[in-house]
């Protein structure tokens, strides 16, 4: 399927996205970003931004940082720019697989419900390009439907699937990211609307292991609490 066909599909998908708005999935991803350290001065590259429901929430937090939004659909970007025209946010129509951002010093790159819509054979190119953009501090944050859930829909509810909607397995992701110097830092299969229907992951640049003693990172009060807890469980669970 050509890029133009994909762009046309998502141009026609704008009204549907507008009706959905900020739903449980979108808001849940925003909360995850906050937990990962999204701050007012964060720089965020949003790949596959759609009409900007995620952007809308992210922009509430990011006031002094910058947001760069990219999507293959001209109509999606047009709507986003009209809806959320902010000086610290830029809007670009482009194929995200080979996109080169103008944004520098990036803290977060998001691929929220995106890579299942990109042909598997292009994933290697996608991750290789993203790896070049990332720095040691950058977090690549991915959300996808559980591949088993996509396979279930393909068999039982195919009308719910989009123009390209394929299962993306973790093994393939790890193979691609390992090849270009990235590593998986966090992975979770979680429940959204049905049991185990989504997967969330955080990817960073590979780096050599450095031993950092956790006790050296604790405040005096937390060290004291840890010492009390240790004394308690050694007493209660005495074994000798």
C-alpha atoms as a PDB file:
ATOM      1  CA  UNK A   1       0.000   0.000   0.000  1.00  0.00           C
ATOM      2  CA  UNK A   2       1.364   3.427  -0.976  1.00  0.00           C
ATOM      3  CA  UNK A   3       2.036   6.272   1.447  1.00  0.00           C
ATOM      4  CA  UNK A   4      -0.624   8.321  -0.339  1.00  0.00           C
ATOM      5  CA  UNK A   5      -3.222   5.625   0.327  1.00  0.00           C
ATOM      6  CA  UNK A   6      -2.290   5.595   4.007  1.00  0.00           C
ATOM      7  CA  UNK A   7      -2.387   9.396   4.207  1.00  0.00           C
ATOM      8  CA  UNK A   8      -5.787   9.429   2.493  1.00  0.00           C
ATOM      9  CA  UNK A   9      -7.149   6.901   4.990  1.00  0.00           C
ATOM     10  CA  UNK A  10      -6.084   8.987   7.976  1.00  0.00           C
ATOM     11  CA  UNK A  11      -7.302  12.180   6.340  1.00  0.00           C
ATOM     12  CA  UNK A  12     -10.697  10.495   6.320  1.00  0.00           C
ATOM     13  CA  UNK A  13     -10.211   9.280   9.883  1.00  0.00           C
ATOM     14  CA  UNK A  14     -10.079  12.786  11.373  1.00  0.00           C
ATOM     15  CA  UNK A  15     -13.794  13.018  12.142  1.00  0.00           C
ATOM     16  CA  UNK A  16     -13.706   9.663  13.893  1.00  0.00           C
ATOM     17  CA  UNK A  17     -10.776  10.774  16.046  1.00  0.00           C
ATOM     18  CA  UNK A  18     -12.550  14.013  16.900  1.00  0.00           C
ATOM     19  CA  UNK A  19     -15.560  12.047  18.157  1.00  0.00           C
ATOM     20  CA  UNK A  20     -13.334   9.847  20.336  1.00  0.00           C
ATOM     21  CA  UNK A  21     -11.366  12.763  21.805  1.00  0.00           C
ATOM     22  CA  UNK A  22      -9.402  12.152  25.002  1.00  0.00           C
ATOM     23  CA  UNK A  23     -10.372   8.641  26.069  1.00  0.00           C
ATOM     24  CA  UNK A  24      -9.072   6.223  28.723  1.00  0.00           C
ATOM     25  CA  UNK A  25      -6.145   5.156  26.543  1.00  0.00           C
ATOM     26  CA  UNK A  26      -5.012   8.702  25.750  1.00  0.00           C
ATOM     27  CA  UNK A  27      -5.292   9.921  29.332  1.00  0.00           C
ATOM     28  CA  UNK A  28      -3.588   6.808  30.659  1.00  0.00           C
ATOM     29  CA  UNK A  29      -0.605   7.410  28.375  1.00  0.00           C
ATOM     30  CA  UNK A  30      -0.367  10.999  29.558  1.00  0.00           C
ATOM     31  CA  UNK A  31      -0.231   9.804  33.175  1.00  0.00           C
ATOM     32  CA  UNK A  32       2.513   7.356  32.239  1.00  0.00           C
ATOM     33  CA  UNK A  33       4.556  10.188  30.704  1.00  0.00           C
ATOM     34  CA  UNK A  34       4.189  12.184  33.911  1.00  0.00           C
ATOM     35  CA  UNK A  35       5.375   9.186  35.910  1.00  0.00           C
ATOM     36  CA  UNK A  36       8.381   8.857  33.579  1.00  0.00           C
ATOM     37  CA  UNK A  37       9.398  12.429  34.321  1.00  0.00           C
ATOM     38  CA  UNK A  38       7.611  14.699  31.842  1.00  0.00           C
ATOM     39  CA  UNK A  39       8.296  18.246  33.053  1.00  0.00           C
ATOM     40  CA  UNK A  40       7.468  21.797  32.064  1.00  0.00           C
ATOM     41  CA  UNK A  41      10.816  22.129  30.273  1.00  0.00           C
ATOM     42  CA  UNK A  42      10.776  18.734  28.529  1.00  0.00           C
ATOM     43  CA  UNK A  43      11.323  18.497  24.771  1.00  0.00           C
ATOM     44  CA  UNK A  44       8.948  16.002  23.165  1.00  0.00           C
ATOM     45  CA  UNK A  45       8.970  14.547  19.645  1.00  0.00           C
ATOM     46  CA  UNK A  46       5.566  13.049  18.927  1.00  0.00           C
ATOM     47  CA  UNK A  47       5.700  10.661  15.969  1.00  0.00           C
ATOM     48  CA  UNK A  48       2.319   9.745  14.526  1.00  0.00           C
ATOM     49  CA  UNK A  49       0.492  12.454  16.446  1.00  0.00           C
ATOM     50  CA  UNK A  50      -2.833  12.131  14.598  1.00  0.00           C
ATOM     51  CA  UNK A  51      -5.172  15.009  15.417  1.00  0.00           C
ATOM     52  CA  UNK A  52      -3.225  15.773  18.589  1.00  0.00           C
ATOM     53  CA  UNK A  53      -5.235  14.395  21.501  1.00  0.00           C
ATOM     54  CA  UNK A  54      -1.971  13.339  23.166  1.00  0.00           C
ATOM     55  CA  UNK A  55      -0.401  16.655  22.173  1.00  0.00           C
ATOM     56  CA  UNK A  56      -3.269  18.510  23.826  1.00  0.00           C
ATOM     57  CA  UNK A  57      -2.530  16.860  27.181  1.00  0.00           C
ATOM     58  CA  UNK A  58       1.258  17.028  26.861  1.00  0.00           C
ATOM     59  CA  UNK A  59       1.053  20.757  26.114  1.00  0.00           C
ATOM     60  CA  UNK A  60      -0.699  21.319  29.451  1.00  0.00           C
ATOM     61  CA  UNK A  61       2.498  20.209  31.184  1.00  0.00           C
ATOM     62  CA  UNK A  62       5.173  21.370  28.731  1.00  0.00           C
ATOM     63  CA  UNK A  63       5.202  25.160  28.995  1.00  0.00           C
ATOM     64  CA  UNK A  64       8.864  26.122  28.587  1.00  0.00           C
ATOM     65  CA  UNK A  65       9.994  23.061  26.626  1.00  0.00           C
ATOM     66  CA  UNK A  66       9.114  22.296  23.011  1.00  0.00           C
ATOM     67  CA  UNK A  67       6.843  19.812  21.261  1.00  0.00           C
ATOM     68  CA  UNK A  68       7.320  18.672  17.663  1.00  0.00           C
ATOM     69  CA  UNK A  69       4.327  16.853  16.159  1.00  0.00           C
ATOM     70  CA  UNK A  70       4.641  14.716  13.026  1.00  0.00           C
ATOM     71  CA  UNK A  71       2.030  12.799  11.055  1.00  0.00           C
ATOM     72  CA  UNK A  72       1.584  11.482   7.526  1.00  0.00           C
ATOM     73  CA  UNK A  73      -1.951  12.913   7.320  1.00  0.00           C
ATOM     74  CA  UNK A  74      -2.197  16.548   6.141  1.00  0.00           C
ATOM     75  CA  UNK A  75      -5.766  16.860   7.438  1.00  0.00           C
ATOM     76  CA  UNK A  76      -4.761  15.627  10.890  1.00  0.00           C
ATOM     77  CA  UNK A  77      -1.962  18.180  11.125  1.00  0.00           C
ATOM     78  CA  UNK A  78      -4.245  20.903   9.800  1.00  0.00           C
ATOM     79  CA  UNK A  79      -6.812  20.195  12.521  1.00  0.00           C
ATOM     80  CA  UNK A  80      -4.125  20.018  15.220  1.00  0.00           C
ATOM     81  CA  UNK A  81      -2.569  23.310  14.171  1.00  0.00           C
ATOM     82  CA  UNK A  82      -5.946  25.068  14.203  1.00  0.00           C
ATOM     83  CA  UNK A  83      -6.923  23.506  17.526  1.00  0.00           C
ATOM     84  CA  UNK A  84      -3.614  23.922  19.336  1.00  0.00           C
ATOM     85  CA  UNK A  85      -1.612  26.725  17.771  1.00  0.00           C
ATOM     86  CA  UNK A  86       1.044  27.341  20.431  1.00  0.00           C
ATOM     87  CA  UNK A  87       4.422  29.058  20.022  1.00  0.00           C
ATOM     88  CA  UNK A  88       6.374  26.168  21.574  1.00  0.00           C
ATOM     89  CA  UNK A  89       4.751  23.538  19.333  1.00  0.00           C
ATOM     90  CA  UNK A  90       5.609  22.770  15.699  1.00  0.00           C
ATOM     91  CA  UNK A  91       3.520  20.760  13.237  1.00  0.00           C
ATOM     92  CA  UNK A  92       4.936  18.712  10.353  1.00  0.00           C
ATOM     93  CA  UNK A  93       3.380  16.541   7.637  1.00  0.00           C
ATOM     94  CA  UNK A  94       5.881  13.763   6.957  1.00  0.00           C
ATOM     95  CA  UNK A  95       6.410  10.020   6.850  1.00  0.00           C
ATOM     96  CA  UNK A  96       7.709   9.326  10.360  1.00  0.00           C
ATOM     97  CA  UNK A  97       9.907   6.399   9.285  1.00  0.00           C
ATOM     98  CA  UNK A  98      12.600   8.631   7.812  1.00  0.00           C
ATOM     99  CA  UNK A  99      11.819  11.910   9.548  1.00  0.00           C
ATOM    100  CA  UNK A 100      14.648  14.199  10.712  1.00  0.00           C
ATOM    101  CA  UNK A 101      13.417  16.535  13.468  1.00  0.00           C
ATOM    102  CA  UNK A 102      14.444  20.139  13.953  1.00  0.00           C
ATOM    103  CA  UNK A 103      13.992  19.637  17.703  1.00  0.00           C
ATOM    104  CA  UNK A 104      17.200  19.023  19.646  1.00  0.00           C
ATOM    105  CA  UNK A 105      17.999  17.784  23.141  1.00  0.00           C
ATOM    106  CA  UNK A 106      14.946  15.510  23.072  1.00  0.00           C
ATOM    107  CA  UNK A 107      13.668  14.050  26.350  1.00  0.00           C
ATOM    108  CA  UNK A 108      10.813  11.927  25.001  1.00  0.00           C
ATOM    109  CA  UNK A 109       9.946  10.381  21.649  1.00  0.00           C
ATOM    110  CA  UNK A 110       6.431   8.956  21.569  1.00  0.00           C
ATOM    111  CA  UNK A 111       5.035   6.252  19.303  1.00  0.00           C
ATOM    112  CA  UNK A 112       1.579   5.877  20.769  1.00  0.00           C
ATOM    113  CA  UNK A 113      -0.455   3.298  18.842  1.00  0.00           C
ATOM    114  CA  UNK A 114       1.575   3.937  15.711  1.00  0.00           C
ATOM    115  CA  UNK A 115       3.969   1.135  14.781  1.00  0.00           C
ATOM    116  CA  UNK A 116       1.190  -1.414  14.247  1.00  0.00           C
ATOM    117  CA  UNK A 117       0.131   0.817  11.337  1.00  0.00           C
ATOM    118  CA  UNK A 118       3.616   0.876   9.753  1.00  0.00           C
ATOM    119  CA  UNK A 119       4.528  -2.134   7.564  1.00  0.00           C
ATOM    120  CA  UNK A 120       6.748  -4.541   9.513  1.00  0.00           C
ATOM    121  CA  UNK A 121       9.363  -4.472   6.758  1.00  0.00           C
ATOM    122  CA  UNK A 122       9.920  -0.755   7.486  1.00  0.00           C
ATOM    123  CA  UNK A 123      10.437  -1.155  11.244  1.00  0.00           C
ATOM    124  CA  UNK A 124      14.175  -1.689  10.926  1.00  0.00           C
ATOM    125  CA  UNK A 125      14.517   1.633   9.089  1.00  0.00           C
ATOM    126  CA  UNK A 126      12.233   3.342  11.614  1.00  0.00           C
ATOM    127  CA  UNK A 127      14.232   2.290  14.673  1.00  0.00           C
ATOM    128  CA  UNK A 128      17.563   2.944  12.988  1.00  0.00           C
ATOM    129  CA  UNK A 129      16.459   6.497  12.227  1.00  0.00           C
ATOM    130  CA  UNK A 130      15.097   7.034  15.745  1.00  0.00           C
ATOM    131  CA  UNK A 131      18.347   5.742  17.236  1.00  0.00           C
ATOM    132  CA  UNK A 132      20.246   8.496  15.419  1.00  0.00           C
ATOM    133  CA  UNK A 133      17.923  11.097  16.949  1.00  0.00           C
ATOM    134  CA  UNK A 134      18.200   9.807  20.520  1.00  0.00           C
ATOM    135  CA  UNK A 135      20.723  10.848  23.153  1.00  0.00           C
ATOM    136  CA  UNK A 136      21.571   8.983  26.382  1.00  0.00           C
ATOM    137  CA  UNK A 137      18.777  10.836  28.205  1.00  0.00           C
ATOM    138  CA  UNK A 138      16.061  10.261  25.572  1.00  0.00           C
ATOM    139  CA  UNK A 139      13.201   7.902  26.403  1.00  0.00           C
ATOM    140  CA  UNK A 140      11.461   6.271  23.430  1.00  0.00           C
ATOM    141  CA  UNK A 141       7.958   5.465  24.672  1.00  0.00           C
ATOM    142  CA  UNK A 142       5.821   2.984  22.726  1.00  0.00           C
ATOM    143  CA  UNK A 143       2.234   1.848  23.174  1.00  0.00           C
ATOM    144  CA  UNK A 144       0.717  -0.874  20.966  1.00  0.00           C
ATOM    145  CA  UNK A 145      -2.210  -3.258  21.036  1.00  0.00           C
ATOM    146  CA  UNK A 146      -1.225  -6.700  22.274  1.00  0.00           C
ATOM    147  CA  UNK A 147      -0.383  -8.621  19.061  1.00  0.00           C
ATOM    148  CA  UNK A 148      -2.660 -11.437  20.222  1.00  0.00           C
ATOM    149  CA  UNK A 149      -5.494  -8.907  20.472  1.00  0.00           C
ATOM    150  CA  UNK A 150      -4.863  -7.739  16.885  1.00  0.00           C
ATOM    151  CA  UNK A 151      -4.906 -11.365  15.733  1.00  0.00           C
ATOM    152  CA  UNK A 152      -8.187 -11.891  17.575  1.00  0.00           C
ATOM    153  CA  UNK A 153      -9.731  -8.827  15.921  1.00  0.00           C
ATOM    154  CA  UNK A 154      -8.506  -9.917  12.487  1.00  0.00           C
ATOM    155  CA  UNK A 155     -10.325 -13.211  12.935  1.00  0.00           C
ATOM    156  CA  UNK A 156     -13.472 -12.117  14.758  1.00  0.00           C
ATOM    157  CA  UNK A 157     -13.943  -8.349  14.233  1.00  0.00           C
ATOM    158  CA  UNK A 158     -11.991  -7.310  11.113  1.00  0.00           C
ATOM    159  CA  UNK A 159     -14.125  -4.194  10.581  1.00  0.00           C
ATOM    160  CA  UNK A 160     -12.528  -2.651  13.685  1.00  0.00           C
ATOM    161  CA  UNK A 161      -9.070  -2.720  12.097  1.00  0.00           C
ATOM    162  CA  UNK A 162      -7.522   0.221  10.244  1.00  0.00           C
ATOM    163  CA  UNK A 163      -5.983   0.344   6.774  1.00  0.00           C
ATOM    164  CA  UNK A 164      -2.766  -1.236   8.096  1.00  0.00           C
ATOM    165  CA  UNK A 165      -3.252  -2.945  11.454  1.00  0.00           C
ATOM    166  CA  UNK A 166      -0.812  -5.758  12.105  1.00  0.00           C
ATOM    167  CA  UNK A 167       0.424  -7.645  15.175  1.00  0.00           C
ATOM    168  CA  UNK A 168       3.810  -6.346  16.358  1.00  0.00           C
ATOM    169  CA  UNK A 169       5.597  -8.890  18.520  1.00  0.00           C
ATOM    170  CA  UNK A 170       8.096  -7.977  21.218  1.00  0.00           C
ATOM    171  CA  UNK A 171      10.726 -10.320  19.762  1.00  0.00           C
ATOM    172  CA  UNK A 172      10.755  -8.344  16.522  1.00  0.00           C
ATOM    173  CA  UNK A 173      11.009  -5.033  18.365  1.00  0.00           C
ATOM    174  CA  UNK A 174      13.946  -6.260  20.455  1.00  0.00           C
ATOM    175  CA  UNK A 175      15.711  -7.573  17.355  1.00  0.00           C
ATOM    176  CA  UNK A 176      15.356  -4.204  15.623  1.00  0.00           C
ATOM    177  CA  UNK A 177      16.352  -2.014  18.561  1.00  0.00           C
ATOM    178  CA  UNK A 178      19.317  -4.190  19.554  1.00  0.00           C
ATOM    179  CA  UNK A 179      20.702  -3.888  16.051  1.00  0.00           C
ATOM    180  CA  UNK A 180      20.874  -0.100  16.307  1.00  0.00           C
ATOM    181  CA  UNK A 181      22.195   0.352  19.839  1.00  0.00           C
ATOM    182  CA  UNK A 182      18.957   0.604  21.814  1.00  0.00           C
ATOM    183  CA  UNK A 183      17.660  -1.463  24.722  1.00  0.00           C
ATOM    184  CA  UNK A 184      14.349  -2.239  26.386  1.00  0.00           C
ATOM    185  CA  UNK A 185      14.159  -0.674  29.862  1.00  0.00           C
ATOM    186  CA  UNK A 186      10.533  -1.399  30.735  1.00  0.00           C
ATOM    187  CA  UNK A 187       7.749  -3.580  29.319  1.00  0.00           C
ATOM    188  CA  UNK A 188       4.214  -4.224  30.488  1.00  0.00           C
ATOM    189  CA  UNK A 189       1.144  -5.960  29.120  1.00  0.00           C
ATOM    190  CA  UNK A 190      -1.835  -4.236  30.711  1.00  0.00           C
ATOM    191  CA  UNK A 191      -5.621  -4.134  30.743  1.00  0.00           C
ATOM    192  CA  UNK A 192      -7.432  -1.218  29.148  1.00  0.00           C
ATOM    193  CA  UNK A 193     -10.839  -2.255  27.837  1.00  0.00           C
ATOM    194  CA  UNK A 194     -10.330  -6.020  27.781  1.00  0.00           C
ATOM    195  CA  UNK A 195      -7.921  -8.339  29.567  1.00  0.00           C
ATOM    196  CA  UNK A 196      -4.303  -7.899  28.376  1.00  0.00           C
ATOM    197  CA  UNK A 197      -5.290  -5.826  25.348  1.00  0.00           C
ATOM    198  CA  UNK A 198      -2.364  -3.355  25.313  1.00  0.00           C
ATOM    199  CA  UNK A 199       1.402  -3.256  25.736  1.00  0.00           C
ATOM    200  CA  UNK A 200       3.593  -0.383  26.910  1.00  0.00           C
ATOM    201  CA  UNK A 201       7.364  -0.104  26.736  1.00  0.00           C
ATOM    202  CA  UNK A 202      10.242   2.292  27.316  1.00  0.00           C
ATOM    203  CA  UNK A 203      13.411   2.102  25.212  1.00  0.00           C
ATOM    204  CA  UNK A 204      16.714   3.930  25.739  1.00  0.00           C
ATOM    205  CA  UNK A 205      20.212   4.030  24.313  1.00  0.00           C
ATOM    206  CA  UNK A 206      22.379   1.084  25.307  1.00  0.00           C
ATOM    207  CA  UNK A 207      25.024   1.948  27.887  1.00  0.00           C
ATOM    208  CA  UNK A 208      27.661   0.151  29.890  1.00  0.00           C
ATOM    209  CA  UNK A 209      26.573  -0.927  33.338  1.00  0.00           C
ATOM    210  CA  UNK A 210      27.756   1.249  36.189  1.00  0.00           C
ATOM    211  CA  UNK A 211      27.311   0.154  39.789  1.00  0.00           C
ATOM    212  CA  UNK A 212      25.365   2.799  41.672  1.00  0.00           C
ATOM    213  CA  UNK A 213      24.568   1.920  45.267  1.00  0.00           C
ATOM    214  CA  UNK A 214      20.928   2.760  45.939  1.00  0.00           C
ATOM    215  CA  UNK A 215      21.648   3.623  49.550  1.00  0.00           C
ATOM    216  CA  UNK A 216      23.789   6.504  48.314  1.00  0.00           C
ATOM    217  CA  UNK A 217      20.740   7.939  46.553  1.00  0.00           C
ATOM    218  CA  UNK A 218      18.527   7.942  49.653  1.00  0.00           C
ATOM    219  CA  UNK A 219      17.874  10.839  51.994  1.00  0.00           C
ATOM    220  CA  UNK A 220      18.764  10.485  55.671  1.00  0.00           C
ATOM    221  CA  UNK A 221      15.090   9.905  56.535  1.00  0.00           C
ATOM    222  CA  UNK A 222      14.666   7.173  53.902  1.00  0.00           C
ATOM    223  CA  UNK A 223      17.873   5.491  55.064  1.00  0.00           C
ATOM    224  CA  UNK A 224      16.515   5.549  58.617  1.00  0.00           C
ATOM    225  CA  UNK A 225      13.185   4.026  57.507  1.00  0.00           C
ATOM    226  CA  UNK A 226      15.006   1.307  55.566  1.00  0.00           C
ATOM    227  CA  UNK A 227      17.098   0.491  58.627  1.00  0.00           C
ATOM    228  CA  UNK A 228      13.979   0.201  60.806  1.00  0.00           C
ATOM    229  CA  UNK A 229      12.256  -2.014  58.246  1.00  0.00           C
ATOM    230  CA  UNK A 230      15.324  -4.247  58.016  1.00  0.00           C
ATOM    231  CA  UNK A 231      15.442  -4.616  61.790  1.00  0.00           C
ATOM    232  CA  UNK A 232      11.717  -5.429  61.837  1.00  0.00           C
ATOM    233  CA  UNK A 233      11.745  -8.187  59.229  1.00  0.00           C
ATOM    234  CA  UNK A 234      14.909  -9.752  60.635  1.00  0.00           C
ATOM    235  CA  UNK A 235      13.163  -9.955  64.019  1.00  0.00           C
ATOM    236  CA  UNK A 236       9.776 -11.157  62.751  1.00  0.00           C
ATOM    237  CA  UNK A 237      11.252 -13.592  60.230  1.00  0.00           C
ATOM    238  CA  UNK A 238      14.212 -14.768  62.307  1.00  0.00           C
ATOM    239  CA  UNK A 239      15.915 -17.721  60.616  1.00  0.00           C
ATOM    240  CA  UNK A 240      19.103 -19.270  61.989  1.00  0.00           C
END
